[in-house]
């Protein structure tokens, strides 16, 4: 019985140590670069940008939608707002 308890403890410890790696691995790959044609620059779409985008959606009373699925006019409005927020 002692061997089984030790094996079980080892499995639980391994799972506990590996879980942060498994669950945070996706967020690293979630960022991408997007082009802002009105300002002629690129932006990295990462967790920080998601925060700004969510705020823009709330402030402009829009339903949540993936940025890449918004039409060009809405994307342009977002980048104009975003450039104002930076300064």
C-alpha atoms as a PDB file:
ATOM      1  CA  UNK A   1       0.000   0.000   0.000  1.00  0.00           C
ATOM      2  CA  UNK A   2       2.876   2.358   0.692  1.00  0.00           C
ATOM      3  CA  UNK A   3       4.130   1.981  -2.868  1.00  0.00           C
ATOM      4  CA  UNK A   4       0.710   2.929  -4.250  1.00  0.00           C
ATOM      5  CA  UNK A   5       0.497   5.997  -2.001  1.00  0.00           C
ATOM      6  CA  UNK A   6       3.954   7.106  -3.088  1.00  0.00           C
ATOM      7  CA  UNK A   7       3.050   6.627  -6.748  1.00  0.00           C
ATOM      8  CA  UNK A   8      -0.202   8.538  -6.276  1.00  0.00           C
ATOM      9  CA  UNK A   9       1.599  11.363  -4.516  1.00  0.00           C
ATOM     10  CA  UNK A  10       4.182  11.536  -7.302  1.00  0.00           C
ATOM     11  CA  UNK A  11       1.451  11.753  -9.943  1.00  0.00           C
ATOM     12  CA  UNK A  12      -0.366  14.515  -8.043  1.00  0.00           C
ATOM     13  CA  UNK A  13       2.849  16.460  -7.538  1.00  0.00           C
ATOM     14  CA  UNK A  14       3.731  16.146 -11.235  1.00  0.00           C
ATOM     15  CA  UNK A  15       0.277  17.326 -12.246  1.00  0.00           C
ATOM     16  CA  UNK A  16       0.507  20.302  -9.890  1.00  0.00           C
ATOM     17  CA  UNK A  17       3.903  21.308 -11.251  1.00  0.00           C
ATOM     18  CA  UNK A  18       2.910  20.909 -14.903  1.00  0.00           C
ATOM     19  CA  UNK A  19      -0.501  22.601 -14.762  1.00  0.00           C
ATOM     20  CA  UNK A  20       0.812  26.212 -15.005  1.00  0.00           C
ATOM     21  CA  UNK A  21       2.812  25.265 -18.098  1.00  0.00           C
ATOM     22  CA  UNK A  22      -0.156  23.576 -19.714  1.00  0.00           C
ATOM     23  CA  UNK A  23      -2.662  26.326 -18.977  1.00  0.00           C
ATOM     24  CA  UNK A  24      -0.505  29.359 -19.783  1.00  0.00           C
ATOM     25  CA  UNK A  25       1.007  27.969 -22.964  1.00  0.00           C
ATOM     26  CA  UNK A  26      -1.964  29.090 -25.048  1.00  0.00           C
ATOM     27  CA  UNK A  27      -1.756  32.721 -24.009  1.00  0.00           C
ATOM     28  CA  UNK A  28       1.765  33.034 -25.385  1.00  0.00           C
ATOM     29  CA  UNK A  29       0.553  32.156 -28.862  1.00  0.00           C
ATOM     30  CA  UNK A  30      -2.545  34.360 -28.691  1.00  0.00           C
ATOM     31  CA  UNK A  31      -0.752  37.546 -29.739  1.00  0.00           C
ATOM     32  CA  UNK A  32      -0.447  38.618 -33.360  1.00  0.00           C
ATOM     33  CA  UNK A  33       0.473  41.732 -35.298  1.00  0.00           C
ATOM     34  CA  UNK A  34      -2.200  43.814 -36.954  1.00  0.00           C
ATOM     35  CA  UNK A  35      -1.785  46.700 -39.372  1.00  0.00           C
ATOM     36  CA  UNK A  36      -3.424  50.092 -38.882  1.00  0.00           C
ATOM     37  CA  UNK A  37      -3.747  51.580 -42.387  1.00  0.00           C
ATOM     38  CA  UNK A  38      -4.937  55.005 -41.225  1.00  0.00           C
ATOM     39  CA  UNK A  39      -1.767  55.573 -39.178  1.00  0.00           C
ATOM     40  CA  UNK A  40       0.511  53.318 -41.226  1.00  0.00           C
ATOM     41  CA  UNK A  41       1.780  51.330 -38.252  1.00  0.00           C
ATOM     42  CA  UNK A  42       1.593  47.869 -36.761  1.00  0.00           C
ATOM     43  CA  UNK A  43       0.237  46.902 -33.366  1.00  0.00           C
ATOM     44  CA  UNK A  44       0.817  43.726 -31.391  1.00  0.00           C
ATOM     45  CA  UNK A  45      -2.541  42.325 -30.388  1.00  0.00           C
ATOM     46  CA  UNK A  46      -1.840  40.872 -26.947  1.00  0.00           C
ATOM     47  CA  UNK A  47      -3.537  40.752 -23.550  1.00  0.00           C
ATOM     48  CA  UNK A  48      -2.900  44.459 -22.977  1.00  0.00           C
ATOM     49  CA  UNK A  49      -4.531  45.368 -26.293  1.00  0.00           C
ATOM     50  CA  UNK A  50      -7.490  43.124 -25.475  1.00  0.00           C
ATOM     51  CA  UNK A  51      -8.017  45.244 -22.360  1.00  0.00           C
ATOM     52  CA  UNK A  52      -8.075  48.467 -24.383  1.00  0.00           C
ATOM     53  CA  UNK A  53     -10.355  46.888 -26.968  1.00  0.00           C
ATOM     54  CA  UNK A  54     -12.806  45.715 -24.300  1.00  0.00           C
ATOM     55  CA  UNK A  55     -12.867  49.220 -22.841  1.00  0.00           C
ATOM     56  CA  UNK A  56     -13.529  50.700 -26.298  1.00  0.00           C
ATOM     57  CA  UNK A  57     -16.439  48.299 -26.803  1.00  0.00           C
ATOM     58  CA  UNK A  58     -17.978  49.378 -23.491  1.00  0.00           C
ATOM     59  CA  UNK A  59     -17.377  53.103 -23.996  1.00  0.00           C
ATOM     60  CA  UNK A  60     -18.836  53.033 -27.518  1.00  0.00           C
ATOM     61  CA  UNK A  61     -21.749  50.753 -26.511  1.00  0.00           C
ATOM     62  CA  UNK A  62     -20.872  47.945 -28.920  1.00  0.00           C
ATOM     63  CA  UNK A  63     -21.546  44.248 -28.611  1.00  0.00           C
ATOM     64  CA  UNK A  64     -18.441  42.151 -28.121  1.00  0.00           C
ATOM     65  CA  UNK A  65     -17.040  40.831 -31.375  1.00  0.00           C
ATOM     66  CA  UNK A  66     -13.594  39.642 -32.405  1.00  0.00           C
ATOM     67  CA  UNK A  67     -11.643  42.624 -33.747  1.00  0.00           C
ATOM     68  CA  UNK A  68     -10.723  40.783 -36.940  1.00  0.00           C
ATOM     69  CA  UNK A  69     -14.424  40.256 -37.704  1.00  0.00           C
ATOM     70  CA  UNK A  70     -15.298  43.954 -37.487  1.00  0.00           C
ATOM     71  CA  UNK A  71     -15.641  45.869 -40.712  1.00  0.00           C
ATOM     72  CA  UNK A  72     -12.900  48.252 -41.849  1.00  0.00           C
ATOM     73  CA  UNK A  73     -14.764  51.374 -40.639  1.00  0.00           C
ATOM     74  CA  UNK A  74     -15.142  49.997 -37.112  1.00  0.00           C
ATOM     75  CA  UNK A  75     -11.494  48.942 -37.034  1.00  0.00           C
ATOM     76  CA  UNK A  76     -10.511  52.438 -38.158  1.00  0.00           C
ATOM     77  CA  UNK A  77     -12.654  53.951 -35.378  1.00  0.00           C
ATOM     78  CA  UNK A  78     -10.960  51.703 -32.848  1.00  0.00           C
ATOM     79  CA  UNK A  79      -7.444  52.669 -33.946  1.00  0.00           C
ATOM     80  CA  UNK A  80      -8.339  56.381 -33.902  1.00  0.00           C
ATOM     81  CA  UNK A  81      -9.620  55.951 -30.336  1.00  0.00           C
ATOM     82  CA  UNK A  82      -6.596  53.880 -29.399  1.00  0.00           C
ATOM     83  CA  UNK A  83      -4.110  56.455 -30.686  1.00  0.00           C
ATOM     84  CA  UNK A  84      -5.873  59.132 -28.626  1.00  0.00           C
ATOM     85  CA  UNK A  85      -5.656  56.897 -25.524  1.00  0.00           C
ATOM     86  CA  UNK A  86      -1.899  56.470 -25.852  1.00  0.00           C
ATOM     87  CA  UNK A  87      -1.207  60.188 -25.432  1.00  0.00           C
END
